[in-house]
Amino acid sequence: METPTVDETLRILRWLAGKGIEFLADVGPAGGVLSPEDVVAYARDPDAFRAACCDCSVEHLANWRVWKDDHLQCRGITKQGTRCSKMGDLDAQTDPTRFKPGISDRCKIHRLGERD
């Protein structure tokens, strides 16, 4: 079976949309219903599409997702050499545009560059 062209894919997606079918994606705070053109862009490069929707770089979004998937814990290191288990900035948990590496992913102690 041959892969359909972009034009063929768009024709099918537009037909489905015309029948009331909606295309949904979880792409951060900008998630929701996608147009047929958005579906094609998402299929081409999901990470780039998500980053564009969140108005940030692919690298920034990836860093935020790793922290979020790591249960929002501080990435700081204690005096004992272990990773801190306190929570980071919860304001950034649902919005990657509010995430600031070194700040959002640290507790108040480690955010200031101190060690506990």
N, C-alpha and C. Protein backbone atom coordinates (compact mmCIF):
# COMPACT_ATOMS: atom_id res chain seq x y z
N MET A 1 0.83 -1.18 0.00
CA MET A 1 0.00 0.00 0.00
C MET A 1 0.88 1.25 0.00
N GLU A 2 0.62 2.14 -0.89
CA GLU A 2 1.39 3.37 -1.00
C GLU A 2 0.90 4.41 0.01
N THR A 3 1.84 5.21 0.49
CA THR A 3 1.49 6.30 1.38
C THR A 3 0.80 7.38 0.56
N PRO A 4 -0.35 7.88 1.03
CA PRO A 4 -1.04 8.93 0.27
C PRO A 4 -0.23 10.22 0.26
N THR A 5 -0.41 11.01 -0.76
CA THR A 5 0.25 12.31 -0.84
C THR A 5 -0.38 13.26 0.17
N VAL A 6 0.27 14.38 0.39
CA VAL A 6 -0.28 15.38 1.31
C VAL A 6 -1.63 15.87 0.79
N ASP A 7 -1.73 16.10 -0.51
CA ASP A 7 -3.00 16.56 -1.07
C ASP A 7 -4.10 15.54 -0.87
N GLU A 8 -3.79 14.27 -1.06
CA GLU A 8 -4.79 13.21 -0.85
C GLU A 8 -5.19 13.14 0.62
N THR A 9 -4.21 13.25 1.48
CA THR A 9 -4.48 13.22 2.91
C THR A 9 -5.37 14.38 3.32
N LEU A 10 -5.04 15.58 2.85
CA LEU A 10 -5.85 16.75 3.17
C LEU A 10 -7.27 16.60 2.64
N ARG A 11 -7.42 16.06 1.46
CA ARG A 11 -8.75 15.86 0.89
C ARG A 11 -9.58 14.95 1.79
N ILE A 12 -8.98 13.86 2.26
CA ILE A 12 -9.69 12.92 3.14
C ILE A 12 -10.01 13.57 4.48
N LEU A 13 -9.02 14.28 5.06
CA LEU A 13 -9.25 14.92 6.35
C LEU A 13 -10.32 16.00 6.25
N ARG A 14 -10.31 16.76 5.18
CA ARG A 14 -11.34 17.80 4.99
C ARG A 14 -12.72 17.17 4.82
N TRP A 15 -12.77 16.05 4.12
CA TRP A 15 -14.04 15.33 3.94
C TRP A 15 -14.56 14.86 5.30
N LEU A 16 -13.67 14.28 6.11
CA LEU A 16 -14.06 13.83 7.44
C LEU A 16 -14.51 15.00 8.31
N ALA A 17 -13.78 16.11 8.24
CA ALA A 17 -14.15 17.30 9.02
C ALA A 17 -15.53 17.80 8.58
N GLY A 18 -15.79 17.73 7.30
CA GLY A 18 -17.10 18.13 6.79
C GLY A 18 -18.23 17.24 7.29
N LYS A 19 -17.90 16.04 7.70
CA LYS A 19 -18.89 15.09 8.24
C LYS A 19 -19.03 15.25 9.75
N GLY A 20 -18.31 16.24 10.31
CA GLY A 20 -18.43 16.51 11.75
C GLY A 20 -17.38 15.85 12.62
N ILE A 21 -16.41 15.19 12.01
CA ILE A 21 -15.36 14.56 12.79
C ILE A 21 -14.33 15.61 13.16
N GLU A 22 -13.99 15.65 14.44
CA GLU A 22 -12.98 16.60 14.92
C GLU A 22 -11.70 15.86 15.24
N PHE A 23 -10.59 16.53 15.03
CA PHE A 23 -9.27 15.97 15.30
C PHE A 23 -8.71 16.67 16.53
N LEU A 24 -8.39 15.90 17.55
CA LEU A 24 -7.92 16.46 18.81
C LEU A 24 -6.48 16.05 19.07
N ALA A 25 -5.75 16.93 19.72
CA ALA A 25 -4.39 16.61 20.11
C ALA A 25 -4.07 17.32 21.40
N ASP A 26 -3.29 16.68 22.23
CA ASP A 26 -2.81 17.28 23.47
C ASP A 26 -1.46 17.91 23.15
N VAL A 27 -1.47 19.18 22.88
CA VAL A 27 -0.23 19.87 22.51
C VAL A 27 0.08 21.00 23.49
N GLY A 28 -0.17 20.75 24.75
CA GLY A 28 0.09 21.77 25.75
C GLY A 28 -1.11 22.68 25.92
N PRO A 29 -0.87 23.90 26.38
CA PRO A 29 -1.98 24.81 26.65
C PRO A 29 -2.77 25.16 25.40
N ALA A 30 -2.17 24.96 24.23
CA ALA A 30 -2.86 25.29 22.99
C ALA A 30 -3.58 24.07 22.41
N GLY A 31 -3.72 23.02 23.18
CA GLY A 31 -4.35 21.79 22.69
C GLY A 31 -5.80 21.98 22.34
N GLY A 32 -6.33 21.02 21.64
CA GLY A 32 -7.74 21.10 21.29
C GLY A 32 -7.98 20.60 19.89
N VAL A 33 -8.99 21.18 19.24
CA VAL A 33 -9.38 20.76 17.90
C VAL A 33 -8.37 21.26 16.88
N LEU A 34 -7.94 20.36 16.00
CA LEU A 34 -6.99 20.70 14.95
C LEU A 34 -7.69 20.75 13.61
N SER A 35 -7.22 21.64 12.76
CA SER A 35 -7.71 21.68 11.39
C SER A 35 -7.05 20.54 10.61
N PRO A 36 -7.58 20.20 9.44
CA PRO A 36 -6.91 19.17 8.64
C PRO A 36 -5.44 19.53 8.34
N GLU A 37 -5.16 20.80 8.10
CA GLU A 37 -3.79 21.23 7.85
C GLU A 37 -2.91 21.02 9.09
N ASP A 38 -3.48 21.28 10.26
CA ASP A 38 -2.75 21.05 11.50
C ASP A 38 -2.44 19.57 11.70
N VAL A 39 -3.38 18.70 11.34
CA VAL A 39 -3.17 17.26 11.48
C VAL A 39 -1.97 16.83 10.64
N VAL A 40 -1.88 17.35 9.43
CA VAL A 40 -0.76 17.01 8.55
C VAL A 40 0.55 17.52 9.15
N ALA A 41 0.55 18.76 9.64
CA ALA A 41 1.76 19.33 10.26
C ALA A 41 2.16 18.53 11.50
N TYR A 42 1.19 18.13 12.29
CA TYR A 42 1.45 17.33 13.49
C TYR A 42 2.04 15.98 13.11
N ALA A 43 1.49 15.36 12.07
CA ALA A 43 1.98 14.04 11.64
C ALA A 43 3.41 14.13 11.11
N ARG A 44 3.75 15.23 10.47
CA ARG A 44 5.10 15.40 9.94
C ARG A 44 6.14 15.49 11.06
N ASP A 45 5.84 16.28 12.09
CA ASP A 45 6.80 16.50 13.17
C ASP A 45 6.05 16.91 14.44
N PRO A 46 5.61 15.93 15.22
CA PRO A 46 4.81 16.24 16.41
C PRO A 46 5.52 17.18 17.39
N ASP A 47 6.81 17.01 17.59
CA ASP A 47 7.53 17.86 18.54
C ASP A 47 7.58 19.31 18.06
N ALA A 48 7.86 19.51 16.80
CA ALA A 48 7.91 20.87 16.25
C ALA A 48 6.52 21.51 16.29
N PHE A 49 5.49 20.73 16.01
CA PHE A 49 4.13 21.25 16.06
C PHE A 49 3.77 21.68 17.48
N ARG A 50 4.06 20.82 18.45
CA ARG A 50 3.76 21.14 19.86
C ARG A 50 4.52 22.40 20.29
N ALA A 51 5.79 22.47 19.94
CA ALA A 51 6.60 23.63 20.32
C ALA A 51 6.04 24.91 19.70
N ALA A 52 5.64 24.84 18.45
CA ALA A 52 5.06 26.01 17.79
C ALA A 52 3.76 26.43 18.48
N CYS A 53 2.94 25.46 18.86
CA CYS A 53 1.69 25.76 19.56
C CYS A 53 1.94 26.40 20.91
N CYS A 54 3.03 26.03 21.55
CA CYS A 54 3.37 26.55 22.87
C CYS A 54 4.28 27.77 22.79
N ASP A 55 4.63 28.18 21.58
CA ASP A 55 5.47 29.33 21.34
C ASP A 55 6.81 29.21 22.06
N CYS A 56 7.45 28.04 21.88
CA CYS A 56 8.77 27.82 22.46
C CYS A 56 9.56 26.90 21.52
N SER A 57 10.82 26.68 21.84
CA SER A 57 11.65 25.81 21.02
C SER A 57 11.36 24.34 21.33
N VAL A 58 11.73 23.47 20.42
CA VAL A 58 11.58 22.02 20.64
C VAL A 58 12.40 21.61 21.86
N GLU A 59 13.61 22.15 21.99
CA GLU A 59 14.48 21.82 23.12
C GLU A 59 13.85 22.25 24.45
N HIS A 60 13.29 23.46 24.48
CA HIS A 60 12.65 23.96 25.70
C HIS A 60 11.46 23.07 26.08
N LEU A 61 10.65 22.72 25.10
CA LEU A 61 9.49 21.87 25.37
C LEU A 61 9.92 20.50 25.87
N ALA A 62 10.97 19.95 25.29
CA ALA A 62 11.47 18.64 25.72
C ALA A 62 11.97 18.70 27.16
N ASN A 63 12.67 19.77 27.52
CA ASN A 63 13.17 19.95 28.88
C ASN A 63 12.01 20.04 29.86
N TRP A 64 10.98 20.80 29.51
CA TRP A 64 9.79 20.92 30.36
C TRP A 64 9.09 19.57 30.52
N ARG A 65 8.97 18.82 29.44
CA ARG A 65 8.27 17.53 29.50
C ARG A 65 9.02 16.52 30.37
N VAL A 66 10.36 16.53 30.31
CA VAL A 66 11.15 15.63 31.16
C VAL A 66 10.89 15.97 32.62
N TRP A 67 10.91 17.25 32.96
CA TRP A 67 10.66 17.68 34.34
C TRP A 67 9.24 17.32 34.76
N LYS A 68 8.28 17.59 33.89
CA LYS A 68 6.88 17.28 34.21
C LYS A 68 6.69 15.78 34.40
N ASP A 69 7.29 14.98 33.52
CA ASP A 69 7.18 13.52 33.62
C ASP A 69 7.93 12.97 34.83
N ASP A 70 8.84 13.78 35.38
CA ASP A 70 9.61 13.38 36.56
C ASP A 70 8.91 13.85 37.84
N HIS A 71 7.62 14.00 37.77
CA HIS A 71 6.79 14.35 38.92
C HIS A 71 7.10 15.72 39.50
N LEU A 72 7.60 16.63 38.67
CA LEU A 72 7.80 18.03 39.04
C LEU A 72 8.78 18.22 40.19
N GLN A 73 9.67 17.28 40.37
CA GLN A 73 10.62 17.36 41.47
C GLN A 73 11.80 18.28 41.18
N CYS A 74 12.35 18.81 42.24
CA CYS A 74 13.53 19.65 42.15
C CYS A 74 14.68 18.84 41.55
N ARG A 75 15.42 19.46 40.66
CA ARG A 75 16.58 18.82 40.05
C ARG A 75 17.87 19.15 40.78
N GLY A 76 17.77 19.84 41.90
CA GLY A 76 18.95 20.22 42.68
C GLY A 76 19.59 19.02 43.37
N ILE A 77 20.84 19.20 43.75
CA ILE A 77 21.60 18.15 44.43
C ILE A 77 21.86 18.59 45.87
N THR A 78 21.60 17.71 46.82
CA THR A 78 21.81 18.01 48.24
C THR A 78 23.29 17.91 48.59
N LYS A 79 23.64 18.33 49.81
CA LYS A 79 25.02 18.21 50.28
C LYS A 79 25.48 16.76 50.33
N GLN A 80 24.53 15.86 50.52
CA GLN A 80 24.85 14.44 50.56
C GLN A 80 25.07 13.86 49.16
N GLY A 81 24.85 14.68 48.14
CA GLY A 81 25.06 14.24 46.77
C GLY A 81 23.87 13.53 46.15
N THR A 82 22.75 13.58 46.84
CA THR A 82 21.54 12.96 46.29
C THR A 82 20.64 14.04 45.70
N ARG A 83 19.74 13.60 44.90
CA ARG A 83 18.83 14.56 44.28
C ARG A 83 17.77 14.99 45.28
N CYS A 84 17.48 16.27 45.30
CA CYS A 84 16.44 16.83 46.15
C CYS A 84 15.09 16.28 45.70
N SER A 85 14.21 16.03 46.65
CA SER A 85 12.91 15.46 46.28
C SER A 85 11.77 16.44 46.50
N LYS A 86 12.11 17.70 46.80
CA LYS A 86 11.07 18.71 46.99
C LYS A 86 10.45 19.07 45.63
N MET A 87 9.32 19.72 45.68
CA MET A 87 8.63 20.09 44.45
C MET A 87 9.22 21.37 43.86
N GLY A 88 9.16 21.44 42.54
CA GLY A 88 9.58 22.65 41.85
C GLY A 88 8.42 23.63 41.78
N ASP A 89 8.48 24.56 40.86
CA ASP A 89 7.47 25.61 40.69
C ASP A 89 6.22 25.03 40.04
N LEU A 90 5.18 24.87 40.82
CA LEU A 90 3.97 24.24 40.29
C LEU A 90 3.21 25.12 39.30
N ASP A 91 3.52 26.43 39.27
CA ASP A 91 2.88 27.30 38.29
C ASP A 91 3.26 26.91 36.87
N ALA A 92 4.41 26.27 36.70
CA ALA A 92 4.90 25.91 35.37
C ALA A 92 4.47 24.50 34.96
N GLN A 93 3.71 23.80 35.80
CA GLN A 93 3.42 22.41 35.49
C GLN A 93 2.50 22.22 34.29
N THR A 94 1.63 23.15 34.00
CA THR A 94 0.71 22.97 32.89
C THR A 94 1.00 23.88 31.70
N ASP A 95 1.98 24.75 31.84
CA ASP A 95 2.25 25.71 30.78
C ASP A 95 3.76 25.81 30.52
N PRO A 96 4.23 25.20 29.43
CA PRO A 96 5.67 25.23 29.16
C PRO A 96 6.22 26.63 28.93
N THR A 97 5.39 27.59 28.58
CA THR A 97 5.90 28.95 28.38
C THR A 97 6.29 29.60 29.71
N ARG A 98 5.78 29.06 30.82
CA ARG A 98 6.12 29.58 32.14
C ARG A 98 7.32 28.86 32.76
N PHE A 99 7.78 27.81 32.10
CA PHE A 99 8.89 27.01 32.60
C PHE A 99 10.22 27.69 32.32
N LYS A 100 11.02 27.84 33.37
CA LYS A 100 12.36 28.43 33.24
C LYS A 100 13.36 27.44 33.83
N PRO A 101 14.16 26.79 32.97
CA PRO A 101 15.15 25.83 33.47
C PRO A 101 16.06 26.47 34.52
N GLY A 102 16.32 25.73 35.59
CA GLY A 102 17.15 26.24 36.66
C GLY A 102 16.36 27.02 37.70
N ILE A 103 15.14 27.38 37.37
CA ILE A 103 14.27 28.10 38.32
C ILE A 103 13.02 27.27 38.59
N SER A 104 12.24 27.02 37.55
CA SER A 104 10.99 26.27 37.71
C SER A 104 11.24 24.85 38.18
N ASP A 105 12.34 24.28 37.75
CA ASP A 105 12.63 22.88 38.09
C ASP A 105 13.49 22.75 39.35
N ARG A 106 13.43 23.77 40.19
CA ARG A 106 14.18 23.75 41.45
C ARG A 106 13.26 24.20 42.59
N CYS A 107 13.52 23.70 43.79
CA CYS A 107 12.83 24.21 44.98
C CYS A 107 13.44 25.57 45.32
N LYS A 108 12.89 26.26 46.29
CA LYS A 108 13.39 27.60 46.63
C LYS A 108 14.85 27.58 47.07
N ILE A 109 15.25 26.56 47.76
CA ILE A 109 16.65 26.47 48.22
C ILE A 109 17.60 26.33 47.03
N HIS A 110 17.33 25.41 46.14
CA HIS A 110 18.22 25.14 45.01
C HIS A 110 18.07 26.17 43.90
N ARG A 111 16.95 26.84 43.85
CA ARG A 111 16.74 27.89 42.86
C ARG A 111 17.71 29.03 43.09
N LEU A 112 18.08 29.24 44.34
CA LEU A 112 19.00 30.31 44.67
C LEU A 112 20.46 29.87 44.57
N GLY A 113 20.67 28.62 44.15
CA GLY A 113 22.02 28.11 43.99
C GLY A 113 22.65 27.63 45.27
N GLU A 114 21.86 27.59 46.33
CA GLU A 114 22.39 27.12 47.61
C GLU A 114 22.23 25.61 47.68
N ARG A 115 22.90 25.01 48.64
CA ARG A 115 22.77 23.57 48.86
C ARG A 115 22.24 23.37 50.26
N ASP A 116 21.36 22.36 50.42
CA ASP A 116 20.82 22.13 51.78
C ASP A 116 21.67 21.20 52.58
